[in-house]
């Protein structure tokens, strides 16, 4: 496990909680809780319990439509006999017909689209956060679904009888076949693409969280919002501490922000993780400059 960042005291509890959460077995990770911890970096007053309760309430409405107990399912009361298609229809009714959740096409790169609290408040988001919302409400209603990280888009995999279908939460729960998913990816890419069956492999909880964090990282760095980008890198390296590219990138970001000691720590760690990297001499030069700067400051 990477060290938990300690230099930013107001955010320390977020890093600590996130590190504890993602240290669990992947299947045990509470995705909604983890996503709300990510959002808490931008919204320090966020009440995680309040937003978890919103998800619970949506699931109760779904179960109510089907005439099921509105208690949250447990291994003892989960509706094992329920037709998944009926549950999907009830999910779509609550989330899209009644609550009007929709893809934020007009302001796609707004970082709020990646924060689950804001998705719940604004009823809009990007494919991955709307998929996360859909999966978390479905899980609370009694159906476990899997996320699929297609190129340029995120969908949900569901087994309907002998047929595997894909749910597009960004487009009001539209059901797609594998071929229709490929056609959608081709339209988004504006070029012909060959089918890669690996695209349709379900993502792990950590991979899903990593995709959310990478979206935020890109948005903040594109906006030169370096402090916000640094906070996201801290979470990325708690999630995947052995990622040499992210260690390098955080070190250079620390250097840009004149955090010389932390830049030195990260770039030395990168050298150890990737001793034969093509940029090793460039990194050695950065390290030399940082050490000279620190010496002059002292």
C-alpha atoms as a PDB file:
ATOM      1  CA  UNK A   1       0.000   0.000   0.000  1.00  0.00           C
ATOM      2  CA  UNK A   2       1.264   3.501  -0.839  1.00  0.00           C
ATOM      3  CA  UNK A   3       1.782   5.900   1.991  1.00  0.00           C
ATOM      4  CA  UNK A   4      -1.299   7.899   2.894  1.00  0.00           C
ATOM      5  CA  UNK A   5      -0.602  11.560   2.044  1.00  0.00           C
ATOM      6  CA  UNK A   6      -0.183  13.509   5.229  1.00  0.00           C
ATOM      7  CA  UNK A   7       0.639  17.005   4.080  1.00  0.00           C
ATOM      8  CA  UNK A   8      -2.950  18.179   3.600  1.00  0.00           C
ATOM      9  CA  UNK A   9      -4.534  17.893   7.038  1.00  0.00           C
ATOM     10  CA  UNK A  10      -8.125  18.913   6.083  1.00  0.00           C
ATOM     11  CA  UNK A  11      -8.169  16.046   3.578  1.00  0.00           C
ATOM     12  CA  UNK A  12      -6.260  13.512   5.674  1.00  0.00           C
ATOM     13  CA  UNK A  13      -9.346  11.663   6.926  1.00  0.00           C
ATOM     14  CA  UNK A  14     -10.562  11.266   3.325  1.00  0.00           C
ATOM     15  CA  UNK A  15      -7.291   9.683   2.261  1.00  0.00           C
ATOM     16  CA  UNK A  16      -7.274   7.432   5.322  1.00  0.00           C
ATOM     17  CA  UNK A  17     -10.864   6.274   4.780  1.00  0.00           C
ATOM     18  CA  UNK A  18     -10.308   5.738   1.072  1.00  0.00           C
ATOM     19  CA  UNK A  19      -7.122   3.734   1.697  1.00  0.00           C
ATOM     20  CA  UNK A  20      -8.959   1.494   4.171  1.00  0.00           C
ATOM     21  CA  UNK A  21     -11.862   0.999   1.788  1.00  0.00           C
ATOM     22  CA  UNK A  22      -9.803  -0.009  -1.258  1.00  0.00           C
ATOM     23  CA  UNK A  23      -7.519  -2.256   0.815  1.00  0.00           C
ATOM     24  CA  UNK A  24     -10.415  -4.734   1.063  1.00  0.00           C
ATOM     25  CA  UNK A  25     -11.046  -7.578  -1.348  1.00  0.00           C
ATOM     26  CA  UNK A  26     -12.425  -6.089  -4.540  1.00  0.00           C
ATOM     27  CA  UNK A  27     -15.877  -7.630  -4.148  1.00  0.00           C
ATOM     28  CA  UNK A  28     -16.196  -6.157  -0.653  1.00  0.00           C
ATOM     29  CA  UNK A  29     -15.573  -2.547  -1.706  1.00  0.00           C
ATOM     30  CA  UNK A  30     -18.599  -0.305  -1.197  1.00  0.00           C
ATOM     31  CA  UNK A  31     -18.552   1.537  -4.517  1.00  0.00           C
ATOM     32  CA  UNK A  32     -21.010   4.229  -3.504  1.00  0.00           C
ATOM     33  CA  UNK A  33     -19.038   4.978  -0.338  1.00  0.00           C
ATOM     34  CA  UNK A  34     -15.781   5.131  -2.292  1.00  0.00           C
ATOM     35  CA  UNK A  35     -17.300   7.405  -4.943  1.00  0.00           C
ATOM     36  CA  UNK A  36     -18.644   9.727  -2.252  1.00  0.00           C
ATOM     37  CA  UNK A  37     -15.213   9.878  -0.602  1.00  0.00           C
ATOM     38  CA  UNK A  38     -13.811  11.011  -3.959  1.00  0.00           C
ATOM     39  CA  UNK A  39     -16.505  13.693  -4.096  1.00  0.00           C
ATOM     40  CA  UNK A  40     -15.725  14.783  -0.543  1.00  0.00           C
ATOM     41  CA  UNK A  41     -12.395  16.167  -1.762  1.00  0.00           C
ATOM     42  CA  UNK A  42     -14.334  18.788  -3.729  1.00  0.00           C
ATOM     43  CA  UNK A  43     -17.244  19.032  -1.282  1.00  0.00           C
ATOM     44  CA  UNK A  44     -15.800  18.763   2.255  1.00  0.00           C
ATOM     45  CA  UNK A  45     -19.215  19.194   3.907  1.00  0.00           C
ATOM     46  CA  UNK A  46     -20.714  16.291   1.958  1.00  0.00           C
ATOM     47  CA  UNK A  47     -22.753  13.944   4.184  1.00  0.00           C
ATOM     48  CA  UNK A  48     -22.008  10.421   2.965  1.00  0.00           C
ATOM     49  CA  UNK A  49     -24.836   8.885   5.014  1.00  0.00           C
ATOM     50  CA  UNK A  50     -27.359  11.286   3.464  1.00  0.00           C
ATOM     51  CA  UNK A  51     -26.451  10.285  -0.077  1.00  0.00           C
ATOM     52  CA  UNK A  52     -26.338   6.594   0.800  1.00  0.00           C
ATOM     53  CA  UNK A  53     -29.878   7.050   2.158  1.00  0.00           C
ATOM     54  CA  UNK A  54     -30.924   8.594  -1.182  1.00  0.00           C
ATOM     55  CA  UNK A  55     -29.777   5.436  -2.962  1.00  0.00           C
ATOM     56  CA  UNK A  56     -31.646   3.297  -0.430  1.00  0.00           C
ATOM     57  CA  UNK A  57     -34.820   5.328  -0.990  1.00  0.00           C
ATOM     58  CA  UNK A  58     -34.612   4.910  -4.774  1.00  0.00           C
ATOM     59  CA  UNK A  59     -34.220   1.153  -4.336  1.00  0.00           C
ATOM     60  CA  UNK A  60     -37.245   1.000  -2.039  1.00  0.00           C
ATOM     61  CA  UNK A  61     -39.323   2.666  -4.741  1.00  0.00           C
ATOM     62  CA  UNK A  62     -38.094   0.131  -7.304  1.00  0.00           C
ATOM     63  CA  UNK A  63     -39.036  -2.758  -5.032  1.00  0.00           C
ATOM     64  CA  UNK A  64     -42.371  -1.130  -4.266  1.00  0.00           C
ATOM     65  CA  UNK A  65     -43.292  -1.068  -7.967  1.00  0.00           C
ATOM     66  CA  UNK A  66     -42.732  -4.822  -8.064  1.00  0.00           C
ATOM     67  CA  UNK A  67     -44.789  -5.447  -4.942  1.00  0.00           C
ATOM     68  CA  UNK A  68     -41.738  -6.561  -2.977  1.00  0.00           C
ATOM     69  CA  UNK A  69     -40.758  -5.776   0.569  1.00  0.00           C
ATOM     70  CA  UNK A  70     -39.231  -2.312   0.686  1.00  0.00           C
ATOM     71  CA  UNK A  71     -36.597  -3.499   3.153  1.00  0.00           C
ATOM     72  CA  UNK A  72     -33.108  -3.509   1.697  1.00  0.00           C
ATOM     73  CA  UNK A  73     -32.443  -7.047   0.381  1.00  0.00           C
ATOM     74  CA  UNK A  74     -30.289  -9.408   2.412  1.00  0.00           C
ATOM     75  CA  UNK A  75     -29.269 -12.987   1.615  1.00  0.00           C
ATOM     76  CA  UNK A  76     -32.499 -13.965   3.426  1.00  0.00           C
ATOM     77  CA  UNK A  77     -34.978 -11.777   1.590  1.00  0.00           C
ATOM     78  CA  UNK A  78     -33.413 -11.165  -1.837  1.00  0.00           C
ATOM     79  CA  UNK A  79     -35.954 -11.828  -4.614  1.00  0.00           C
ATOM     80  CA  UNK A  80     -34.215 -14.823  -6.152  1.00  0.00           C
ATOM     81  CA  UNK A  81     -37.321 -15.698  -8.183  1.00  0.00           C
ATOM     82  CA  UNK A  82     -37.622 -12.222  -9.677  1.00  0.00           C
ATOM     83  CA  UNK A  83     -37.277 -11.842 -13.441  1.00  0.00           C
ATOM     84  CA  UNK A  84     -34.303  -9.476 -13.983  1.00  0.00           C
ATOM     85  CA  UNK A  85     -36.123  -7.876 -16.896  1.00  0.00           C
ATOM     86  CA  UNK A  86     -38.981  -6.848 -14.584  1.00  0.00           C
ATOM     87  CA  UNK A  87     -36.488  -5.285 -12.192  1.00  0.00           C
ATOM     88  CA  UNK A  88     -34.758  -3.426 -15.022  1.00  0.00           C
ATOM     89  CA  UNK A  89     -38.088  -2.001 -16.142  1.00  0.00           C
ATOM     90  CA  UNK A  90     -38.808  -0.837 -12.599  1.00  0.00           C
ATOM     91  CA  UNK A  91     -35.321   0.684 -12.335  1.00  0.00           C
ATOM     92  CA  UNK A  92     -35.820   2.551 -15.600  1.00  0.00           C
ATOM     93  CA  UNK A  93     -39.221   3.778 -14.463  1.00  0.00           C
ATOM     94  CA  UNK A  94     -37.877   5.215 -11.202  1.00  0.00           C
ATOM     95  CA  UNK A  95     -34.554   6.595 -12.455  1.00  0.00           C
ATOM     96  CA  UNK A  96     -35.472   7.851 -15.904  1.00  0.00           C
ATOM     97  CA  UNK A  97     -39.252   8.298 -16.142  1.00  0.00           C
ATOM     98  CA  UNK A  98     -39.882   9.602 -12.620  1.00  0.00           C
ATOM     99  CA  UNK A  99     -36.542  11.091 -11.529  1.00  0.00           C
ATOM    100  CA  UNK A 100     -35.393  12.114 -15.033  1.00  0.00           C
ATOM    101  CA  UNK A 101     -31.726  11.182 -14.640  1.00  0.00           C
ATOM    102  CA  UNK A 102     -29.991  11.931 -17.926  1.00  0.00           C
ATOM    103  CA  UNK A 103     -26.622  12.259 -19.572  1.00  0.00           C
ATOM    104  CA  UNK A 104     -25.096  15.719 -19.333  1.00  0.00           C
ATOM    105  CA  UNK A 105     -24.386  16.258 -23.012  1.00  0.00           C
ATOM    106  CA  UNK A 106     -24.192  20.050 -22.841  1.00  0.00           C
ATOM    107  CA  UNK A 107     -21.535  20.237 -20.100  1.00  0.00           C
ATOM    108  CA  UNK A 108     -19.881  16.841 -20.360  1.00  0.00           C
ATOM    109  CA  UNK A 109     -16.461  17.860 -18.982  1.00  0.00           C
ATOM    110  CA  UNK A 110     -17.771  19.531 -15.862  1.00  0.00           C
ATOM    111  CA  UNK A 111     -16.035  17.770 -12.939  1.00  0.00           C
ATOM    112  CA  UNK A 112     -19.379  17.652 -11.096  1.00  0.00           C
ATOM    113  CA  UNK A 113     -20.439  14.948 -13.541  1.00  0.00           C
ATOM    114  CA  UNK A 114     -17.879  12.656 -11.885  1.00  0.00           C
ATOM    115  CA  UNK A 115     -19.055  13.328  -8.324  1.00  0.00           C
ATOM    116  CA  UNK A 116     -21.849  11.026  -7.172  1.00  0.00           C
ATOM    117  CA  UNK A 117     -23.335  13.591  -4.763  1.00  0.00           C
ATOM    118  CA  UNK A 118     -23.761  16.077  -7.614  1.00  0.00           C
ATOM    119  CA  UNK A 119     -25.211  13.423  -9.911  1.00  0.00           C
ATOM    120  CA  UNK A 120     -27.822  12.697  -7.229  1.00  0.00           C
ATOM    121  CA  UNK A 121     -28.533  16.405  -6.775  1.00  0.00           C
ATOM    122  CA  UNK A 122     -28.549  17.501 -10.426  1.00  0.00           C
ATOM    123  CA  UNK A 123     -29.937  14.253 -11.912  1.00  0.00           C
ATOM    124  CA  UNK A 124     -27.301  14.307 -14.631  1.00  0.00           C
ATOM    125  CA  UNK A 125     -23.853  12.890 -15.161  1.00  0.00           C
ATOM    126  CA  UNK A 126     -21.518  11.042 -17.480  1.00  0.00           C
ATOM    127  CA  UNK A 127     -21.776   7.363 -18.467  1.00  0.00           C
ATOM    128  CA  UNK A 128     -19.653   5.977 -15.631  1.00  0.00           C
ATOM    129  CA  UNK A 129     -21.348   7.845 -12.788  1.00  0.00           C
ATOM    130  CA  UNK A 130     -24.841   7.186 -14.133  1.00  0.00           C
ATOM    131  CA  UNK A 131     -23.859   3.522 -14.488  1.00  0.00           C
ATOM    132  CA  UNK A 132     -22.583   3.523 -10.915  1.00  0.00           C
ATOM    133  CA  UNK A 133     -25.848   5.050  -9.727  1.00  0.00           C
ATOM    134  CA  UNK A 134     -27.825   2.435 -11.684  1.00  0.00           C
ATOM    135  CA  UNK A 135     -25.768  -0.476 -10.359  1.00  0.00           C
ATOM    136  CA  UNK A 136     -25.941   0.727  -6.763  1.00  0.00           C
ATOM    137  CA  UNK A 137     -29.723   1.176  -6.846  1.00  0.00           C
ATOM    138  CA  UNK A 138     -30.067  -2.212  -8.558  1.00  0.00           C
ATOM    139  CA  UNK A 139     -27.897  -3.878  -5.902  1.00  0.00           C
ATOM    140  CA  UNK A 140     -30.005  -2.406  -3.129  1.00  0.00           C
ATOM    141  CA  UNK A 141     -33.137  -3.597  -4.930  1.00  0.00           C
ATOM    142  CA  UNK A 142     -31.797  -7.152  -5.190  1.00  0.00           C
ATOM    143  CA  UNK A 143     -29.941  -7.414  -8.512  1.00  0.00           C
ATOM    144  CA  UNK A 144     -26.173  -7.324  -8.928  1.00  0.00           C
ATOM    145  CA  UNK A 145     -24.993  -5.887 -12.229  1.00  0.00           C
ATOM    146  CA  UNK A 146     -21.504  -5.471 -13.690  1.00  0.00           C
ATOM    147  CA  UNK A 147     -19.848  -2.437 -15.223  1.00  0.00           C
ATOM    148  CA  UNK A 148     -18.178  -2.629 -18.628  1.00  0.00           C
ATOM    149  CA  UNK A 149     -15.602  -0.032 -19.665  1.00  0.00           C
ATOM    150  CA  UNK A 150     -15.961   0.264 -23.424  1.00  0.00           C
ATOM    151  CA  UNK A 151     -13.662   2.675 -25.268  1.00  0.00           C
ATOM    152  CA  UNK A 152     -15.156   6.172 -24.901  1.00  0.00           C
ATOM    153  CA  UNK A 153     -18.234   4.910 -23.064  1.00  0.00           C
ATOM    154  CA  UNK A 154     -19.305   2.949 -19.998  1.00  0.00           C
ATOM    155  CA  UNK A 155     -22.223   0.530 -19.900  1.00  0.00           C
ATOM    156  CA  UNK A 156     -23.662  -2.144 -17.604  1.00  0.00           C
ATOM    157  CA  UNK A 157     -23.760  -5.848 -18.346  1.00  0.00           C
ATOM    158  CA  UNK A 158     -26.853  -7.882 -17.499  1.00  0.00           C
ATOM    159  CA  UNK A 159     -27.756 -11.496 -18.133  1.00  0.00           C
ATOM    160  CA  UNK A 160     -31.343 -11.825 -19.401  1.00  0.00           C
ATOM    161  CA  UNK A 161     -32.019 -15.527 -19.685  1.00  0.00           C
ATOM    162  CA  UNK A 162     -29.411 -16.936 -22.052  1.00  0.00           C
ATOM    163  CA  UNK A 163     -28.751 -13.529 -23.603  1.00  0.00           C
ATOM    164  CA  UNK A 164     -26.169 -11.010 -22.435  1.00  0.00           C
ATOM    165  CA  UNK A 165     -27.376  -7.438 -22.843  1.00  0.00           C
ATOM    166  CA  UNK A 166     -25.859  -4.061 -22.048  1.00  0.00           C
ATOM    167  CA  UNK A 167     -27.607  -1.151 -20.354  1.00  0.00           C
ATOM    168  CA  UNK A 168     -26.732   2.395 -21.382  1.00  0.00           C
ATOM    169  CA  UNK A 169     -27.518   4.507 -18.323  1.00  0.00           C
ATOM    170  CA  UNK A 170     -26.364   7.637 -20.163  1.00  0.00           C
ATOM    171  CA  UNK A 171     -29.268   7.149 -22.577  1.00  0.00           C
ATOM    172  CA  UNK A 172     -32.109   6.392 -20.156  1.00  0.00           C
ATOM    173  CA  UNK A 173     -31.366   2.693 -19.666  1.00  0.00           C
ATOM    174  CA  UNK A 174     -31.435   1.705 -23.320  1.00  0.00           C
ATOM    175  CA  UNK A 175     -30.772  -2.028 -23.803  1.00  0.00           C
ATOM    176  CA  UNK A 176     -28.035  -2.817 -26.330  1.00  0.00           C
ATOM    177  CA  UNK A 177     -26.633  -5.964 -27.869  1.00  0.00           C
ATOM    178  CA  UNK A 178     -22.885  -6.437 -28.177  1.00  0.00           C
ATOM    179  CA  UNK A 179     -23.101  -5.461 -31.847  1.00  0.00           C
ATOM    180  CA  UNK A 180     -25.051  -2.301 -30.993  1.00  0.00           C
ATOM    181  CA  UNK A 181     -22.393  -1.397 -28.405  1.00  0.00           C
ATOM    182  CA  UNK A 182     -19.706  -1.748 -31.064  1.00  0.00           C
ATOM    183  CA  UNK A 183     -21.670   0.468 -33.461  1.00  0.00           C
ATOM    184  CA  UNK A 184     -22.042   3.077 -30.710  1.00  0.00           C
ATOM    185  CA  UNK A 185     -18.292   3.046 -30.018  1.00  0.00           C
ATOM    186  CA  UNK A 186     -17.615   3.461 -33.745  1.00  0.00           C
ATOM    187  CA  UNK A 187     -19.934   6.474 -33.889  1.00  0.00           C
ATOM    188  CA  UNK A 188     -18.219   8.087 -30.910  1.00  0.00           C
ATOM    189  CA  UNK A 189     -14.745   7.356 -32.320  1.00  0.00           C
ATOM    190  CA  UNK A 190     -15.714   8.587 -35.810  1.00  0.00           C
ATOM    191  CA  UNK A 191     -13.768   5.723 -37.317  1.00  0.00           C
ATOM    192  CA  UNK A 192     -14.197   2.005 -38.026  1.00  0.00           C
ATOM    193  CA  UNK A 193     -13.073  -0.229 -35.182  1.00  0.00           C
ATOM    194  CA  UNK A 194     -12.713  -4.002 -35.055  1.00  0.00           C
ATOM    195  CA  UNK A 195     -14.499  -5.841 -32.296  1.00  0.00           C
ATOM    196  CA  UNK A 196     -12.269  -6.556 -29.312  1.00  0.00           C
ATOM    197  CA  UNK A 197     -14.000  -8.991 -26.982  1.00  0.00           C
ATOM    198  CA  UNK A 198     -11.782  -7.832 -24.114  1.00  0.00           C
ATOM    199  CA  UNK A 199     -13.771  -4.561 -24.141  1.00  0.00           C
ATOM    200  CA  UNK A 200     -16.792  -6.440 -22.835  1.00  0.00           C
ATOM    201  CA  UNK A 201     -15.060  -7.964 -19.826  1.00  0.00           C
ATOM    202  CA  UNK A 202     -16.615  -6.651 -16.569  1.00  0.00           C
ATOM    203  CA  UNK A 203     -14.442  -4.179 -14.714  1.00  0.00           C
ATOM    204  CA  UNK A 204     -13.457  -4.648 -11.090  1.00  0.00           C
ATOM    205  CA  UNK A 205     -14.497  -2.165  -8.427  1.00  0.00           C
ATOM    206  CA  UNK A 206     -10.962  -0.769  -8.361  1.00  0.00           C
ATOM    207  CA  UNK A 207     -10.928  -0.394 -12.133  1.00  0.00           C
ATOM    208  CA  UNK A 208     -14.226   1.478 -12.038  1.00  0.00           C
ATOM    209  CA  UNK A 209     -12.927   3.852  -9.354  1.00  0.00           C
ATOM    210  CA  UNK A 210      -9.719   4.286 -11.317  1.00  0.00           C
ATOM    211  CA  UNK A 211     -11.676   5.315 -14.393  1.00  0.00           C
ATOM    212  CA  UNK A 212     -13.581   7.953 -12.396  1.00  0.00           C
ATOM    213  CA  UNK A 213     -10.318   9.272 -10.958  1.00  0.00           C
ATOM    214  CA  UNK A 214      -8.608   9.353 -14.346  1.00  0.00           C
ATOM    215  CA  UNK A 215     -11.521  11.343 -15.772  1.00  0.00           C
ATOM    216  CA  UNK A 216     -11.149  13.884 -12.969  1.00  0.00           C
ATOM    217  CA  UNK A 217      -7.368  14.000 -13.300  1.00  0.00           C
ATOM    218  CA  UNK A 218      -7.637  14.818 -16.991  1.00  0.00           C
ATOM    219  CA  UNK A 219     -10.283  17.494 -16.435  1.00  0.00           C
ATOM    220  CA  UNK A 220      -8.355  19.268 -13.677  1.00  0.00           C
ATOM    221  CA  UNK A 221      -5.004  19.194 -15.467  1.00  0.00           C
ATOM    222  CA  UNK A 222      -6.622  20.453 -18.688  1.00  0.00           C
ATOM    223  CA  UNK A 223      -7.939  23.388 -16.630  1.00  0.00           C
ATOM    224  CA  UNK A 224      -4.562  23.986 -14.923  1.00  0.00           C
ATOM    225  CA  UNK A 225      -6.291  23.246 -11.602  1.00  0.00           C
ATOM    226  CA  UNK A 226      -3.138  21.682 -10.221  1.00  0.00           C
ATOM    227  CA  UNK A 227      -4.048  21.491  -6.537  1.00  0.00           C
ATOM    228  CA  UNK A 228      -7.283  19.676  -7.381  1.00  0.00           C
ATOM    229  CA  UNK A 229      -5.374  17.425  -9.756  1.00  0.00           C
ATOM    230  CA  UNK A 230      -2.862  16.630  -7.018  1.00  0.00           C
ATOM    231  CA  UNK A 231      -5.644  15.558  -4.647  1.00  0.00           C
ATOM    232  CA  UNK A 232      -6.911  13.164  -7.330  1.00  0.00           C
ATOM    233  CA  UNK A 233      -3.404  11.782  -7.898  1.00  0.00           C
ATOM    234  CA  UNK A 234      -3.178  11.082  -4.169  1.00  0.00           C
ATOM    235  CA  UNK A 235      -6.270   8.885  -4.427  1.00  0.00           C
ATOM    236  CA  UNK A 236      -5.039   7.219  -7.614  1.00  0.00           C
ATOM    237  CA  UNK A 237      -1.836   6.168  -5.879  1.00  0.00           C
ATOM    238  CA  UNK A 238      -3.756   4.855  -2.888  1.00  0.00           C
ATOM    239  CA  UNK A 239      -5.818   2.797  -5.327  1.00  0.00           C
ATOM    240  CA  UNK A 240      -2.876   1.595  -7.427  1.00  0.00           C
ATOM    241  CA  UNK A 241       0.356   2.230  -5.501  1.00  0.00           C
ATOM    242  CA  UNK A 242       2.510   0.331  -7.985  1.00  0.00           C
ATOM    243  CA  UNK A 243       1.622   2.586 -10.919  1.00  0.00           C
ATOM    244  CA  UNK A 244       4.996   4.000 -11.953  1.00  0.00           C
ATOM    245  CA  UNK A 245       3.533   6.477 -14.507  1.00  0.00           C
ATOM    246  CA  UNK A 246       1.235   7.978 -11.874  1.00  0.00           C
ATOM    247  CA  UNK A 247       4.088   8.185  -9.369  1.00  0.00           C
ATOM    248  CA  UNK A 248       6.172  10.039 -11.957  1.00  0.00           C
ATOM    249  CA  UNK A 249       3.290  12.353 -12.859  1.00  0.00           C
ATOM    250  CA  UNK A 250       2.576  13.209  -9.236  1.00  0.00           C
ATOM    251  CA  UNK A 251       6.249  13.914  -8.630  1.00  0.00           C
ATOM    252  CA  UNK A 252       6.356  16.350 -11.544  1.00  0.00           C
ATOM    253  CA  UNK A 253       3.145  17.952 -10.344  1.00  0.00           C
ATOM    254  CA  UNK A 254       4.678  18.425  -6.891  1.00  0.00           C
ATOM    255  CA  UNK A 255       7.688  19.998  -8.583  1.00  0.00           C
ATOM    256  CA  UNK A 256       5.463  22.365 -10.551  1.00  0.00           C
ATOM    257  CA  UNK A 257       3.800  23.385  -7.288  1.00  0.00           C
ATOM    258  CA  UNK A 258       7.239  23.798  -5.632  1.00  0.00           C
ATOM    259  CA  UNK A 259       6.671  20.967  -3.171  1.00  0.00           C
ATOM    260  CA  UNK A 260      10.322  20.035  -3.513  1.00  0.00           C
ATOM    261  CA  UNK A 261      10.574  17.410  -0.769  1.00  0.00           C
ATOM    262  CA  UNK A 262       7.513  15.530  -1.966  1.00  0.00           C
ATOM    263  CA  UNK A 263       8.632  15.820  -5.598  1.00  0.00           C
ATOM    264  CA  UNK A 264      11.986  14.301  -4.644  1.00  0.00           C
ATOM    265  CA  UNK A 265      10.269  11.458  -2.792  1.00  0.00           C
ATOM    266  CA  UNK A 266       8.006  10.573  -5.725  1.00  0.00           C
ATOM    267  CA  UNK A 267      10.674  10.831  -8.422  1.00  0.00           C
ATOM    268  CA  UNK A 268      13.085   8.675  -6.418  1.00  0.00           C
ATOM    269  CA  UNK A 269      10.278   6.137  -5.969  1.00  0.00           C
ATOM    270  CA  UNK A 270       9.660   6.240  -9.722  1.00  0.00           C
ATOM    271  CA  UNK A 271      13.334   5.506 -10.394  1.00  0.00           C
ATOM    272  CA  UNK A 272      13.133   2.461  -8.151  1.00  0.00           C
ATOM    273  CA  UNK A 273       9.907   1.266  -9.758  1.00  0.00           C
ATOM    274  CA  UNK A 274      11.089   1.783 -13.352  1.00  0.00           C
ATOM    275  CA  UNK A 275      14.924   1.691 -13.321  1.00  0.00           C
ATOM    276  CA  UNK A 276      15.132   1.104 -17.073  1.00  0.00           C
ATOM    277  CA  UNK A 277      12.563   3.723 -18.097  1.00  0.00           C
ATOM    278  CA  UNK A 278      13.369   5.642 -21.264  1.00  0.00           C
ATOM    279  CA  UNK A 279      13.178   8.923 -19.362  1.00  0.00           C
ATOM    280  CA  UNK A 280      15.474   7.813 -16.512  1.00  0.00           C
ATOM    281  CA  UNK A 281      18.172  10.387 -17.354  1.00  0.00           C
ATOM    282  CA  UNK A 282      15.594  13.157 -17.572  1.00  0.00           C
ATOM    283  CA  UNK A 283      14.284  12.136 -14.148  1.00  0.00           C
ATOM    284  CA  UNK A 284      17.824  12.033 -12.724  1.00  0.00           C
ATOM    285  CA  UNK A 285      18.297  15.582 -13.963  1.00  0.00           C
ATOM    286  CA  UNK A 286      15.073  16.675 -12.236  1.00  0.00           C
ATOM    287  CA  UNK A 287      16.262  15.030  -9.037  1.00  0.00           C
ATOM    288  CA  UNK A 288      19.610  16.861  -9.271  1.00  0.00           C
ATOM    289  CA  UNK A 289      17.845  20.203  -9.763  1.00  0.00           C
ATOM    290  CA  UNK A 290      15.471  19.539  -6.862  1.00  0.00           C
ATOM    291  CA  UNK A 291      18.353  18.678  -4.531  1.00  0.00           C
ATOM    292  CA  UNK A 292      20.203  21.845  -5.518  1.00  0.00           C
ATOM    293  CA  UNK A 293      17.049  23.896  -4.936  1.00  0.00           C
ATOM    294  CA  UNK A 294      16.476  22.353  -1.514  1.00  0.00           C
ATOM    295  CA  UNK A 295      20.105  23.019  -0.571  1.00  0.00           C
ATOM    296  CA  UNK A 296      19.784  26.689  -1.558  1.00  0.00           C
ATOM    297  CA  UNK A 297      16.539  27.056   0.395  1.00  0.00           C
ATOM    298  CA  UNK A 298      18.193  25.642   3.486  1.00  0.00           C
END
